[in-house]
Structure formats: C-alpha cells, structure tokens
C-alpha cells in the first residue's frame, strides 16, 4: 500500500498559518479514517488493484504543508487540535555582540517561569565567538520553547531548530521568526520583544552601547526604524511590541509601527545590560493569562522598573498607546506651527537646553519641553498648544510611565531636538513625512 508523506512547511504566511494548521489537522484525521475504513472493507476497495489507481495516485503525490508539531505533544492530540493559548511571547535575542552574557542570563530568567498551556514563550537566540564562552560556547542561531527549570546557570529548554549562522541584523530574519512562532504556537494575543542595543531612530549612532537596534557584530548589519515597521507588518502585527534596548521610546519610532502594534513598551533612556527582568514580567502573565494587551504592557513596564528601583538604579520605562498617535500628531503640528509663527527662537532654544535629555543628547522629553515653553512664552497661542501637548502625553498617549527620581522630568516619550545640526536620515521616517517637526527643527536652527 502506498504511504502518505507529510512534509513540514518552511514558513507559512502569518495571516494564513492558523487556518492552514486547522485544515491540515482535519485532512490528516479524514485520511486516517479513510485508511481505517479501507482496511476493513478491503474486499470491496483495494488500493493495490490495477485499474483503481486515481485516488491512490492522488494521495501518493500529495504533500501537505504544515509547521512541525510542537515538541511534547502527542501526534493525535496535535492532529485533533488544541485550544489556542492566550498569549505567545516571542523574544528575538540578538546577542551576537558584547551583550551575549546578558542574553544567556535573560534566557535563564525566562526559564524560572517557563511556558504553560496558556502562555507560550518562544525565543530565537544568536551567538558568535569571541564574547562569552559559557553554556557550551555554542555559536549560531537557535529557536527554543522556553520551559521551566531550577538550573539558573545554563539553558535547558529544548532546541526546536538549529538554524546555523543567521544575520540577526536583517529585518527579514525577525519576519521569519515571527511567522514561524505564530504558525507553531498560535495564540489569541502576541507580544514581540526585540532584544539588543538601541539608539532610537538614529541609524548613524554606533559608538559604545548606543547602537542601532538588533545590531549584529558578525555581519555589521542592523534593523533601521523603517524596517521595524516593515517587519511587524509582514509578520501580521502584534498586540504588544517591546524594545528591550536603549533609547527607543520616541514618536520617531512608535509612529513607524503604529499600525502593527497596539501598545509599545520602551525606554527614553539607555537600559542596563541585563535589560528586562523576564521572570518578573512573565510571572504575573502566567498567573493571569487572560489579561489584555494594555495590562500586559503595564506588567512589562512595572517588572523592569521595580527591579532597578530595588537596586537604587536610574531607569525610564513607559507604555505608549498607538491609537492615540493620530491626535498626538495633530497636537504636535499645531504646537510646532504656533512656535514658528510666534518667532520666539531664543525661548525655544532655552527650553530645549533646559528640558530632560538622555545619553543621546539630542533626545529630549517632549512633555517637559512643552511645559517649559508654556511657562516661558509670552504668546497665548503657544502656551495653549504647549499645554495641550503636555497634557495629552500624560493623560492619553502614555498609558503607563515609570521613571526614577533622577529622571523625574521624564514623562514617557522623547523627541529629536538637536541644538546644532540636522541628521538627514530623519527625512526617511514616517514621522518626518507626516509631521511639522523637521520643519520646526530647521526653523529654530537658522
């Protein structure tokens, strides 16, 4: 008798993945039933009899694409289907750089909690030679389903795929990971975390810890802000996007991804090397897997902030609601136009200099800048527009904000306000195309 060959797919479109898996399961069950029936009635139907080969040939030639069955599940339980999880947390750990040791530490933090039937935690992690030799000193890129263990010195989660050398600075690699994770571990809600160095939107920043997001030292490649929007779009979007990286909570970044992430977690300032505290972030989710996207985002902000607050360290972390960005754009355009019309350049420059800044000194807290302008301007329109921006950030755009006492003037979102010069890369951003902010910068620098 001919044998049915089922070949795993090498990646399904995210929007069709769940449907394809269900169709495959139904097809496989139906074919199993046909096989059983054919055995019991072989006197009437014999697939080996010449002259009755059409159905036999169709089945023999059939290849059914489907993602590989997740490890730990029986064949028939997988074929018959299982209710989708509440959440799948996808963590893209590009530790092919001087943060490699922290990538391993974060994996061990995740393993303190692990995955459950309601929460999937999946990781793609890359390593290279020359930085950290612990945990077997393996190199390349691996995909894991994170499982709970009590060994905090090494990663014990099962390796689902060993991909060899992957350019983790290529945005297409994140797309591939996201599509795979959604197909293999479908859920009602998704969170993507990109783990690496970060520098906000500025792709020219390379020195020290301030590198472009997902910077791969082996290939020299990194993901630009426009590419961040492209990858989220191609993988079908997420409910929560988190940058476990420095300096990413800016309109220049979040506006780029507004249509593909409902909430965005990020930091105005640099992050310490170990970044998120994943066990503190995952524990509340596992305890309450039915939580919504906003609550999950707040949990991520609090887990990070509480950890560094306990260490008496400085920190910033916030949650932005992307649905509020449309009105924010309108208010920012009105504010910029009012300042240019009032022609108070000296006041503008003074307010920029006095506003909360960060490791990249051209980044300033927008609400603090607006408040300083409202307090110093003699123009009623400028004051009204400045107050509107500051109030909207605090009450609508930023759903949750945490900052240490050293950053008391940080209100959750920073903007590009260079005192000297203008980086022309700014013109590549969706924010620059939609807003008057680039015109405002060029105006006050003249």
Foldseek 3Di string as FASTA:
>chain_A
DADADEDEDLFDQLVCQVVLQLVQLVVVVVVVVVVVVCVVPVVVPPCPDPPPPPVVVVRNPDYRYAHDADPPDDPNDSSVDDDAAAEEEEEEALLLDQLVVLSFQLLLLCQQPFADRRYWYKYKYAYDPDHDCPQPNDGAIFMFGRHHDDDSRHGDTDTPDGPGHDQQQDLVVLLSRLRSCCNNRPHPFYEYEQAAAPAAQDQVDDPDSHHHGRQRPVVRHHAHLLSVQVSLVRSQAGAEYEYLYAQHFACLRCVSNLVRYQKYKYFNAGDPSNRFSNNQLVVVCVVPVNDGSLVSSVSRQCRRQVVQVVVVHWTKMFMFGSVCVVVLQVLQQQLLVVCLVVVPLVQLLVLLVPFDAYPPRQKGALLSSLVSCLVPDPDPSNNVSSVVNNVCLQPPGIPDIDTDPVPPRHSRYIYGADQDDDDPVSCVTPSNVSHCVVVSNVSSND
